[in-house]
Amino acid sequence: MEGLLLTILMAVSIGFLLIFLLALSEKRKRCITSLFSEKKLTPEQFQKACTLIVEAMKLDIEEISNLEDQKLDIIAQNPTPFTGGKYLVHCLYVPSDRVIGSAEIIELSNMIIQDRLSKGIFMTTGKFTNEIGSIGELAPMEFIDGKKFMGLLEKHAPDYWVILS
């Protein structure tokens, strides 16, 4: 009887501990999301973060072009055999509720085709239009919106606030 009571007490204690750890994890995620939505990430920090993510994706940065305060283009080489090649990583800092339209996506696609690059990656702090699937023939591209961007940053550089400061 005492053994059963002890087992139940241990199970309940472990359950409360797991709930507490889950709550801490959720609080941290909400904190990161609120910091991002409050635009605590400056354009300069966003550009540094883009560079961090590109390096974390194991791409070799060849050239960085700072187009404006909110735009950054990174030419990177993917050294992986068969799937490698030159990539254009276009980084755009905008308010988190701004929707990136099809004109900007087509413009980037045309740049990729014109420069004969293997792939494009469009990273932004905003959102992409829902029309991406209906735009038509595009160059090979990946789209990383604000949520996905923060997820990649959290994954590859969990202490990014210290690194970017």
C-alpha atoms as a PDB file:
ATOM      1  CA  MET A   1       0.000   0.000   0.000  1.00  0.00           C
ATOM      2  CA  GLU A   2       2.791   2.397   0.914  1.00  0.00           C
ATOM      3  CA  GLY A   3       4.628   1.548  -2.320  1.00  0.00           C
ATOM      4  CA  LEU A   4       1.532   2.340  -4.387  1.00  0.00           C
ATOM      5  CA  LEU A   5       0.997   5.625  -2.562  1.00  0.00           C
ATOM      6  CA  LEU A   6       4.645   6.568  -3.094  1.00  0.00           C
ATOM      7  CA  THR A   7       4.395   5.713  -6.807  1.00  0.00           C
ATOM      8  CA  ILE A   8       1.272   7.856  -7.216  1.00  0.00           C
ATOM      9  CA  LEU A   9       2.920  10.749  -5.367  1.00  0.00           C
ATOM     10  CA  MET A  10       6.003  10.508  -7.622  1.00  0.00           C
ATOM     11  CA  ALA A  11       3.851  10.398 -10.783  1.00  0.00           C
ATOM     12  CA  VAL A  12       1.897  13.476  -9.708  1.00  0.00           C
ATOM     13  CA  SER A  13       5.130  15.315  -8.845  1.00  0.00           C
ATOM     14  CA  ILE A  14       6.660  14.475 -12.223  1.00  0.00           C
ATOM     15  CA  GLY A  15       3.433  15.619 -13.928  1.00  0.00           C
ATOM     16  CA  PHE A  16       3.560  18.999 -12.175  1.00  0.00           C
ATOM     17  CA  LEU A  17       7.248  19.359 -13.054  1.00  0.00           C
ATOM     18  CA  LEU A  18       6.533  18.677 -16.737  1.00  0.00           C
ATOM     19  CA  ILE A  19       3.651  21.172 -16.743  1.00  0.00           C
ATOM     20  CA  PHE A  20       5.940  23.788 -15.158  1.00  0.00           C
ATOM     21  CA  LEU A  21       8.678  23.195 -17.758  1.00  0.00           C
ATOM     22  CA  LEU A  22       6.136  23.396 -20.587  1.00  0.00           C
ATOM     23  CA  ALA A  23       4.805  26.687 -19.210  1.00  0.00           C
ATOM     24  CA  LEU A  24       8.336  28.105 -19.090  1.00  0.00           C
ATOM     25  CA  SER A  25       8.922  27.068 -22.691  1.00  0.00           C
ATOM     26  CA  GLU A  26       5.674  28.695 -23.842  1.00  0.00           C
ATOM     27  CA  LYS A  27       6.509  31.867 -21.915  1.00  0.00           C
ATOM     28  CA  ARG A  28       9.885  32.075 -23.674  1.00  0.00           C
ATOM     29  CA  LYS A  29       8.250  31.595 -27.089  1.00  0.00           C
ATOM     30  CA  ARG A  30       5.685  34.317 -26.338  1.00  0.00           C
ATOM     31  CA  CYS A  31       8.469  36.608 -25.158  1.00  0.00           C
ATOM     32  CA  ILE A  32      10.415  36.112 -28.397  1.00  0.00           C
ATOM     33  CA  THR A  33       7.291  36.647 -30.497  1.00  0.00           C
ATOM     34  CA  SER A  34       6.323  39.794 -28.610  1.00  0.00           C
ATOM     35  CA  LEU A  35       9.841  41.202 -28.885  1.00  0.00           C
ATOM     36  CA  PHE A  36       9.701  40.631 -32.609  1.00  0.00           C
ATOM     37  CA  SER A  37       6.187  42.028 -33.041  1.00  0.00           C
ATOM     38  CA  GLU A  38       7.153  45.117 -31.046  1.00  0.00           C
ATOM     39  CA  LYS A  39       9.970  45.593 -33.572  1.00  0.00           C
ATOM     40  CA  LYS A  40      12.751  45.342 -31.033  1.00  0.00           C
ATOM     41  CA  LEU A  41      14.841  43.870 -33.833  1.00  0.00           C
ATOM     42  CA  THR A  42      16.412  46.854 -35.608  1.00  0.00           C
ATOM     43  CA  PRO A  43      17.231  46.817 -39.343  1.00  0.00           C
ATOM     44  CA  GLU A  44      20.920  46.418 -38.460  1.00  0.00           C
ATOM     45  CA  GLN A  45      20.177  43.487 -36.155  1.00  0.00           C
ATOM     46  CA  PHE A  46      17.968  41.955 -38.851  1.00  0.00           C
ATOM     47  CA  GLN A  47      20.834  42.153 -41.345  1.00  0.00           C
ATOM     48  CA  LYS A  48      23.252  40.547 -38.873  1.00  0.00           C
ATOM     49  CA  ALA A  49      20.651  37.870 -38.150  1.00  0.00           C
ATOM     50  CA  CYS A  50      20.264  37.157 -41.886  1.00  0.00           C
ATOM     51  CA  THR A  51      24.010  36.633 -42.127  1.00  0.00           C
ATOM     52  CA  LEU A  52      23.913  34.321 -39.085  1.00  0.00           C
ATOM     53  CA  ILE A  53      21.147  32.227 -40.628  1.00  0.00           C
ATOM     54  CA  VAL A  54      22.892  31.975 -44.012  1.00  0.00           C
ATOM     55  CA  GLU A  55      26.085  30.810 -42.307  1.00  0.00           C
ATOM     56  CA  ALA A  56      24.091  28.351 -40.180  1.00  0.00           C
ATOM     57  CA  MET A  57      22.633  26.881 -43.387  1.00  0.00           C
ATOM     58  CA  LYS A  58      26.240  25.996 -44.308  1.00  0.00           C
ATOM     59  CA  LEU A  59      26.346  28.431 -47.225  1.00  0.00           C
ATOM     60  CA  ASP A  60      29.637  30.182 -48.047  1.00  0.00           C
ATOM     61  CA  ILE A  61      29.017  33.934 -48.268  1.00  0.00           C
ATOM     62  CA  GLU A  62      30.774  35.457 -51.280  1.00  0.00           C
ATOM     63  CA  GLU A  63      29.294  38.946 -51.392  1.00  0.00           C
ATOM     64  CA  ILE A  64      27.012  41.149 -49.302  1.00  0.00           C
ATOM     65  CA  SER A  65      25.287  44.149 -50.880  1.00  0.00           C
ATOM     66  CA  ASN A  66      23.574  46.597 -48.573  1.00  0.00           C
ATOM     67  CA  LEU A  67      20.954  48.059 -50.928  1.00  0.00           C
ATOM     68  CA  GLU A  68      19.135  50.317 -48.455  1.00  0.00           C
ATOM     69  CA  ASP A  69      18.551  50.420 -44.713  1.00  0.00           C
ATOM     70  CA  GLN A  70      15.896  47.733 -45.030  1.00  0.00           C
ATOM     71  CA  LYS A  71      17.325  45.621 -47.890  1.00  0.00           C
ATOM     72  CA  LEU A  72      20.279  43.299 -48.036  1.00  0.00           C
ATOM     73  CA  ASP A  73      21.373  40.910 -50.796  1.00  0.00           C
ATOM     74  CA  ILE A  74      23.741  38.060 -50.030  1.00  0.00           C
ATOM     75  CA  ILE A  75      25.370  35.977 -52.756  1.00  0.00           C
ATOM     76  CA  ALA A  76      26.310  32.625 -51.259  1.00  0.00           C
ATOM     77  CA  GLN A  77      27.706  29.374 -52.573  1.00  0.00           C
ATOM     78  CA  ASN A  78      26.222  26.044 -51.566  1.00  0.00           C
ATOM     79  CA  PRO A  79      29.216  23.677 -51.598  1.00  0.00           C
ATOM     80  CA  THR A  80      27.041  20.542 -51.526  1.00  0.00           C
ATOM     81  CA  PRO A  81      27.577  18.305 -54.572  1.00  0.00           C
ATOM     82  CA  PHE A  82      24.601  17.919 -56.939  1.00  0.00           C
ATOM     83  CA  THR A  83      22.344  20.389 -55.097  1.00  0.00           C
ATOM     84  CA  GLY A  84      24.937  23.138 -54.731  1.00  0.00           C
ATOM     85  CA  GLY A  85      25.398  26.308 -56.701  1.00  0.00           C
ATOM     86  CA  LYS A  86      25.119  30.040 -56.194  1.00  0.00           C
ATOM     87  CA  TYR A  87      22.208  31.390 -54.206  1.00  0.00           C
ATOM     88  CA  LEU A  88      20.798  34.883 -53.904  1.00  0.00           C
ATOM     89  CA  VAL A  89      19.493  35.570 -50.415  1.00  0.00           C
ATOM     90  CA  HIS A  90      17.300  38.672 -50.481  1.00  0.00           C
ATOM     91  CA  CYS A  91      16.607  40.088 -47.017  1.00  0.00           C
ATOM     92  CA  LEU A  92      13.864  42.679 -46.534  1.00  0.00           C
ATOM     93  CA  TYR A  93      13.098  44.394 -43.220  1.00  0.00           C
ATOM     94  CA  VAL A  94       9.499  45.616 -43.095  1.00  0.00           C
ATOM     95  CA  PRO A  95       6.778  45.905 -40.420  1.00  0.00           C
ATOM     96  CA  SER A  96       5.603  42.451 -39.357  1.00  0.00           C
ATOM     97  CA  ASP A  97       2.097  43.004 -40.748  1.00  0.00           C
ATOM     98  CA  ARG A  98       3.248  44.120 -44.223  1.00  0.00           C
ATOM     99  CA  VAL A  99       2.446  41.685 -47.027  1.00  0.00           C
ATOM    100  CA  ILE A 100       5.125  41.130 -49.665  1.00  0.00           C
ATOM    101  CA  GLY A 101       3.311  41.245 -52.987  1.00  0.00           C
ATOM    102  CA  SER A 102       3.717  39.288 -56.173  1.00  0.00           C
ATOM    103  CA  ALA A 103       5.598  42.151 -57.915  1.00  0.00           C
ATOM    104  CA  GLU A 104       8.497  41.911 -55.447  1.00  0.00           C
ATOM    105  CA  ILE A 105       8.562  38.123 -55.738  1.00  0.00           C
ATOM    106  CA  ILE A 106       8.585  38.254 -59.548  1.00  0.00           C
ATOM    107  CA  GLU A 107      11.354  40.874 -59.466  1.00  0.00           C
ATOM    108  CA  LEU A 108      13.527  38.598 -57.332  1.00  0.00           C
ATOM    109  CA  SER A 109      12.732  35.617 -59.558  1.00  0.00           C
ATOM    110  CA  ASN A 110      13.808  37.584 -62.632  1.00  0.00           C
ATOM    111  CA  MET A 111      17.096  38.533 -60.926  1.00  0.00           C
ATOM    112  CA  ILE A 112      17.802  34.873 -60.171  1.00  0.00           C
ATOM    113  CA  ILE A 113      17.112  33.855 -63.761  1.00  0.00           C
ATOM    114  CA  GLN A 114      19.050  36.798 -65.232  1.00  0.00           C
ATOM    115  CA  ASP A 115      22.138  36.102 -63.093  1.00  0.00           C
ATOM    116  CA  ARG A 116      21.834  32.339 -63.766  1.00  0.00           C
ATOM    117  CA  LEU A 117      21.766  31.461 -60.082  1.00  0.00           C
ATOM    118  CA  SER A 118      20.729  28.075 -58.724  1.00  0.00           C
ATOM    119  CA  LYS A 119      18.237  29.312 -56.174  1.00  0.00           C
ATOM    120  CA  GLY A 120      16.795  32.302 -54.381  1.00  0.00           C
ATOM    121  CA  ILE A 121      15.868  32.727 -50.754  1.00  0.00           C
ATOM    122  CA  PHE A 122      13.567  35.589 -49.796  1.00  0.00           C
ATOM    123  CA  MET A 123      13.778  36.406 -46.080  1.00  0.00           C
ATOM    124  CA  THR A 124      11.580  39.076 -44.558  1.00  0.00           C
ATOM    125  CA  THR A 125      10.160  40.236 -41.275  1.00  0.00           C
ATOM    126  CA  GLY A 126       6.769  40.594 -42.971  1.00  0.00           C
ATOM    127  CA  LYS A 127       4.395  38.115 -44.579  1.00  0.00           C
ATOM    128  CA  PHE A 128       4.102  36.772 -48.109  1.00  0.00           C
ATOM    129  CA  THR A 129       1.022  37.048 -50.271  1.00  0.00           C
ATOM    130  CA  ASN A 130      -1.204  33.998 -50.524  1.00  0.00           C
ATOM    131  CA  GLU A 131      -0.941  34.293 -54.319  1.00  0.00           C
ATOM    132  CA  ILE A 132       2.539  32.733 -54.488  1.00  0.00           C
ATOM    133  CA  GLY A 133       1.165  29.485 -55.893  1.00  0.00           C
ATOM    134  CA  SER A 134      -0.719  31.277 -58.664  1.00  0.00           C
ATOM    135  CA  ILE A 135       2.064  33.648 -59.772  1.00  0.00           C
ATOM    136  CA  GLY A 136       3.224  31.321 -62.509  1.00  0.00           C
ATOM    137  CA  GLU A 137       6.674  30.103 -63.430  1.00  0.00           C
ATOM    138  CA  LEU A 138       9.232  31.316 -60.905  1.00  0.00           C
ATOM    139  CA  ALA A 139      12.890  30.576 -60.412  1.00  0.00           C
ATOM    140  CA  PRO A 140      13.607  28.027 -57.665  1.00  0.00           C
ATOM    141  CA  MET A 141      12.943  29.991 -54.476  1.00  0.00           C
ATOM    142  CA  GLU A 142      12.287  29.564 -50.799  1.00  0.00           C
ATOM    143  CA  PHE A 143      10.186  32.014 -48.819  1.00  0.00           C
ATOM    144  CA  ILE A 144      10.982  32.755 -45.181  1.00  0.00           C
ATOM    145  CA  ASP A 145       8.455  35.059 -43.531  1.00  0.00           C
ATOM    146  CA  GLY A 146       8.761  36.754 -40.146  1.00  0.00           C
ATOM    147  CA  LYS A 147       7.597  33.765 -38.085  1.00  0.00           C
ATOM    148  CA  LYS A 148       9.799  31.306 -39.927  1.00  0.00           C
ATOM    149  CA  PHE A 149      12.697  33.770 -39.734  1.00  0.00           C
ATOM    150  CA  MET A 150      12.434  34.023 -35.959  1.00  0.00           C
ATOM    151  CA  GLY A 151      12.148  30.232 -35.730  1.00  0.00           C
ATOM    152  CA  LEU A 152      15.364  29.796 -37.745  1.00  0.00           C
ATOM    153  CA  LEU A 153      17.099  32.419 -35.650  1.00  0.00           C
ATOM    154  CA  GLU A 154      15.989  30.721 -32.435  1.00  0.00           C
ATOM    155  CA  LYS A 155      17.110  27.332 -33.767  1.00  0.00           C
ATOM    156  CA  HIS A 156      20.530  28.352 -35.069  1.00  0.00           C
ATOM    157  CA  ALA A 157      21.399  31.111 -32.582  1.00  0.00           C
ATOM    158  CA  PRO A 158      19.298  30.762 -29.405  1.00  0.00           C
ATOM    159  CA  ASP A 159      21.272  33.542 -27.716  1.00  0.00           C
ATOM    160  CA  TYR A 160      20.899  35.887 -30.687  1.00  0.00           C
ATOM    161  CA  TRP A 161      19.980  38.928 -28.569  1.00  0.00           C
ATOM    162  CA  VAL A 162      23.482  38.807 -27.096  1.00  0.00           C
ATOM    163  CA  ILE A 163      25.129  38.117 -30.461  1.00  0.00           C
ATOM    164  CA  LEU A 164      23.216  40.860 -32.314  1.00  0.00           C
ATOM    165  CA  SER A 165      23.718  43.552 -29.686  1.00  0.00           C
END
